[in-house]
C-alpha atoms as a PDB file:
ATOM      1  CA  UNK A   1      -2.357  13.465  22.426  1.00  0.00           C
ATOM      2  CA  UNK A   2      -3.927  14.513  19.176  1.00  0.00           C
ATOM      3  CA  UNK A   3      -7.210  16.713  18.647  1.00  0.00           C
ATOM      4  CA  UNK A   4     -10.307  14.567  18.089  1.00  0.00           C
ATOM      5  CA  UNK A   5     -10.628  15.446  14.546  1.00  0.00           C
ATOM      6  CA  UNK A   6      -7.217  14.142  13.673  1.00  0.00           C
ATOM      7  CA  UNK A   7      -8.256  10.905  16.008  1.00  0.00           C
ATOM      8  CA  UNK A   8     -10.908   9.974  13.439  1.00  0.00           C
ATOM      9  CA  UNK A   9      -9.450  10.708  10.417  1.00  0.00           C
ATOM     10  CA  UNK A  10      -9.687   7.067   8.668  1.00  0.00           C
ATOM     11  CA  UNK A  11     -13.572   7.169   9.867  1.00  0.00           C
ATOM     12  CA  UNK A  12     -13.884  10.483   7.927  1.00  0.00           C
ATOM     13  CA  UNK A  13     -12.223   8.919   4.853  1.00  0.00           C
ATOM     14  CA  UNK A  14     -14.320   5.640   5.092  1.00  0.00           C
ATOM     15  CA  UNK A  15     -17.406   7.582   5.262  1.00  0.00           C
ATOM     16  CA  UNK A  16     -16.692  10.722   2.874  1.00  0.00           C
ATOM     17  CA  UNK A  17     -14.195   9.304   0.494  1.00  0.00           C
ATOM     18  CA  UNK A  18     -14.347  10.415  -3.323  1.00  0.00           C
ATOM     19  CA  UNK A  19     -13.408   6.628  -4.057  1.00  0.00           C
ATOM     20  CA  UNK A  20     -16.934   4.952  -3.222  1.00  0.00           C
ATOM     21  CA  UNK A  21     -20.302   5.201  -1.717  1.00  0.00           C
ATOM     22  CA  UNK A  22     -20.376   2.143   0.390  1.00  0.00           C
ATOM     23  CA  UNK A  23     -23.254   0.315   1.410  1.00  0.00           C
ATOM     24  CA  UNK A  24     -23.739   0.434   5.329  1.00  0.00           C
ATOM     25  CA  UNK A  25     -22.229  -2.379   7.215  1.00  0.00           C
ATOM     26  CA  UNK A  26     -20.498  -3.779   4.309  1.00  0.00           C
ATOM     27  CA  UNK A  27     -17.395  -4.535   6.480  1.00  0.00           C
ATOM     28  CA  UNK A  28     -19.295  -6.469   8.876  1.00  0.00           C
ATOM     29  CA  UNK A  29     -20.892  -9.043   6.798  1.00  0.00           C
ATOM     30  CA  UNK A  30     -19.747 -12.508   7.479  1.00  0.00           C
ATOM     31  CA  UNK A  31     -19.641 -13.909   3.723  1.00  0.00           C
ATOM     32  CA  UNK A  32     -16.690 -12.794   1.560  1.00  0.00           C
ATOM     33  CA  UNK A  33     -18.832 -13.189  -1.480  1.00  0.00           C
ATOM     34  CA  UNK A  34     -21.514 -10.633  -0.163  1.00  0.00           C
ATOM     35  CA  UNK A  35     -18.517  -8.169   0.772  1.00  0.00           C
ATOM     36  CA  UNK A  36     -17.054  -8.481  -2.830  1.00  0.00           C
ATOM     37  CA  UNK A  37     -20.265  -8.024  -4.225  1.00  0.00           C
ATOM     38  CA  UNK A  38     -21.160  -5.145  -2.292  1.00  0.00           C
ATOM     39  CA  UNK A  39     -17.942  -3.657  -3.212  1.00  0.00           C
ATOM     40  CA  UNK A  40     -18.297  -4.033  -6.816  1.00  0.00           C
ATOM     41  CA  UNK A  41     -21.598  -2.874  -6.841  1.00  0.00           C
ATOM     42  CA  UNK A  42     -20.493   0.232  -4.841  1.00  0.00           C
ATOM     43  CA  UNK A  43     -17.753   0.898  -7.155  1.00  0.00           C
ATOM     44  CA  UNK A  44     -19.637   0.348 -10.548  1.00  0.00           C
ATOM     45  CA  UNK A  45     -22.396   2.853  -9.491  1.00  0.00           C
ATOM     46  CA  UNK A  46     -19.989   5.560  -8.053  1.00  0.00           C
ATOM     47  CA  UNK A  47     -19.456   8.493 -10.194  1.00  0.00           C
ATOM     48  CA  UNK A  48     -16.878  10.152  -7.703  1.00  0.00           C
ATOM     49  CA  UNK A  49     -14.427   7.351  -8.162  1.00  0.00           C
ATOM     50  CA  UNK A  50     -11.075   8.326  -9.655  1.00  0.00           C
ATOM     51  CA  UNK A  51      -9.849   4.993 -10.544  1.00  0.00           C
ATOM     52  CA  UNK A  52     -11.258   1.998 -12.554  1.00  0.00           C
ATOM     53  CA  UNK A  53     -14.049  -0.186 -10.458  1.00  0.00           C
ATOM     54  CA  UNK A  54     -11.883  -2.714  -9.314  1.00  0.00           C
ATOM     55  CA  UNK A  55      -8.807  -0.813  -8.170  1.00  0.00           C
ATOM     56  CA  UNK A  56     -11.010   1.578  -6.241  1.00  0.00           C
ATOM     57  CA  UNK A  57     -13.094  -1.574  -4.542  1.00  0.00           C
ATOM     58  CA  UNK A  58      -9.932  -3.395  -3.666  1.00  0.00           C
ATOM     59  CA  UNK A  59      -8.390  -0.039  -2.387  1.00  0.00           C
ATOM     60  CA  UNK A  60     -11.248   0.503  -0.168  1.00  0.00           C
ATOM     61  CA  UNK A  61     -10.952  -3.068   1.411  1.00  0.00           C
ATOM     62  CA  UNK A  62      -7.344  -2.803   1.795  1.00  0.00           C
ATOM     63  CA  UNK A  63      -7.684   0.503   3.734  1.00  0.00           C
ATOM     64  CA  UNK A  64     -10.454  -1.032   5.791  1.00  0.00           C
ATOM     65  CA  UNK A  65      -8.414  -3.987   6.918  1.00  0.00           C
ATOM     66  CA  UNK A  66      -5.212  -1.858   7.297  1.00  0.00           C
ATOM     67  CA  UNK A  67      -6.928   0.576   9.522  1.00  0.00           C
ATOM     68  CA  UNK A  68      -8.707  -1.805  11.678  1.00  0.00           C
ATOM     69  CA  UNK A  69      -5.504  -3.362  12.641  1.00  0.00           C
ATOM     70  CA  UNK A  70      -5.340  -5.255  15.782  1.00  0.00           C
ATOM     71  CA  UNK A  71      -8.923  -4.221  16.665  1.00  0.00           C
ATOM     72  CA  UNK A  72     -10.006  -6.340  13.628  1.00  0.00           C
ATOM     73  CA  UNK A  73     -11.018  -9.789  14.961  1.00  0.00           C
ATOM     74  CA  UNK A  74      -9.279 -13.163  13.610  1.00  0.00           C
ATOM     75  CA  UNK A  75     -12.134 -14.343  12.206  1.00  0.00           C
ATOM     76  CA  UNK A  76     -13.485 -11.139  10.142  1.00  0.00           C
ATOM     77  CA  UNK A  77      -9.850 -10.319   9.383  1.00  0.00           C
ATOM     78  CA  UNK A  78     -10.044 -13.935   7.636  1.00  0.00           C
ATOM     79  CA  UNK A  79     -13.315 -12.939   5.834  1.00  0.00           C
ATOM     80  CA  UNK A  80     -12.200 -10.007   4.820  1.00  0.00           C
ATOM     81  CA  UNK A  81      -8.774 -11.246   3.679  1.00  0.00           C
ATOM     82  CA  UNK A  82     -10.992 -13.921   1.491  1.00  0.00           C
ATOM     83  CA  UNK A  83     -13.158 -11.183   0.286  1.00  0.00           C
ATOM     84  CA  UNK A  84     -10.222  -9.628  -1.707  1.00  0.00           C
ATOM     85  CA  UNK A  85      -9.818 -13.056  -3.702  1.00  0.00           C
ATOM     86  CA  UNK A  86     -13.679 -12.770  -4.244  1.00  0.00           C
ATOM     87  CA  UNK A  87     -13.369  -9.573  -5.505  1.00  0.00           C
ATOM     88  CA  UNK A  88     -10.395 -10.755  -7.980  1.00  0.00           C
ATOM     89  CA  UNK A  89     -13.005 -13.437  -9.173  1.00  0.00           C
ATOM     90  CA  UNK A  90     -15.556 -10.889  -9.905  1.00  0.00           C
ATOM     91  CA  UNK A  91     -13.402  -8.878 -12.081  1.00  0.00           C
ATOM     92  CA  UNK A  92     -11.636 -11.531 -13.760  1.00  0.00           C
ATOM     93  CA  UNK A  93      -8.573 -11.068 -12.053  1.00  0.00           C
ATOM     94  CA  UNK A  94      -6.084 -13.913 -11.123  1.00  0.00           C
ATOM     95  CA  UNK A  95      -6.712 -15.051  -7.420  1.00  0.00           C
ATOM     96  CA  UNK A  96      -3.727 -14.779  -5.054  1.00  0.00           C
ATOM     97  CA  UNK A  97      -2.481 -17.731  -2.953  1.00  0.00           C
ATOM     98  CA  UNK A  98      -1.642 -17.570   0.255  1.00  0.00           C
ATOM     99  CA  UNK A  99       2.337 -16.823   0.774  1.00  0.00           C
ATOM    100  CA  UNK A 100       4.315 -19.294   2.584  1.00  0.00           C
ATOM    101  CA  UNK A 101       6.822 -18.222   5.140  1.00  0.00           C
ATOM    102  CA  UNK A 102      10.246 -19.286   4.485  1.00  0.00           C
ATOM    103  CA  UNK A 103      12.449 -20.365   7.461  1.00  0.00           C
ATOM    104  CA  UNK A 104      15.672 -18.815   7.704  1.00  0.00           C
END
């Protein structure tokens, strides 16, 4: 079993990352547009980020989704996935469409 300090590395990254100073509870919001707006605000106000605001905001959102994994409920996962497209819209980037699985 890994030591406690290693077991919570993703939480430490989320809280102390050089990428963004996140607003508390941003990933628990139920409105994708509110999540995207909060991430955009955080990215644009941050002086510690290393990449462009859009890239930093999207990276933090994807990081959270990936780290939450199976513990993330279906409804909240869908909300966070929708927040990706809202973030793209706020930054004037093309939205991504749902990928269709092609049967073999």
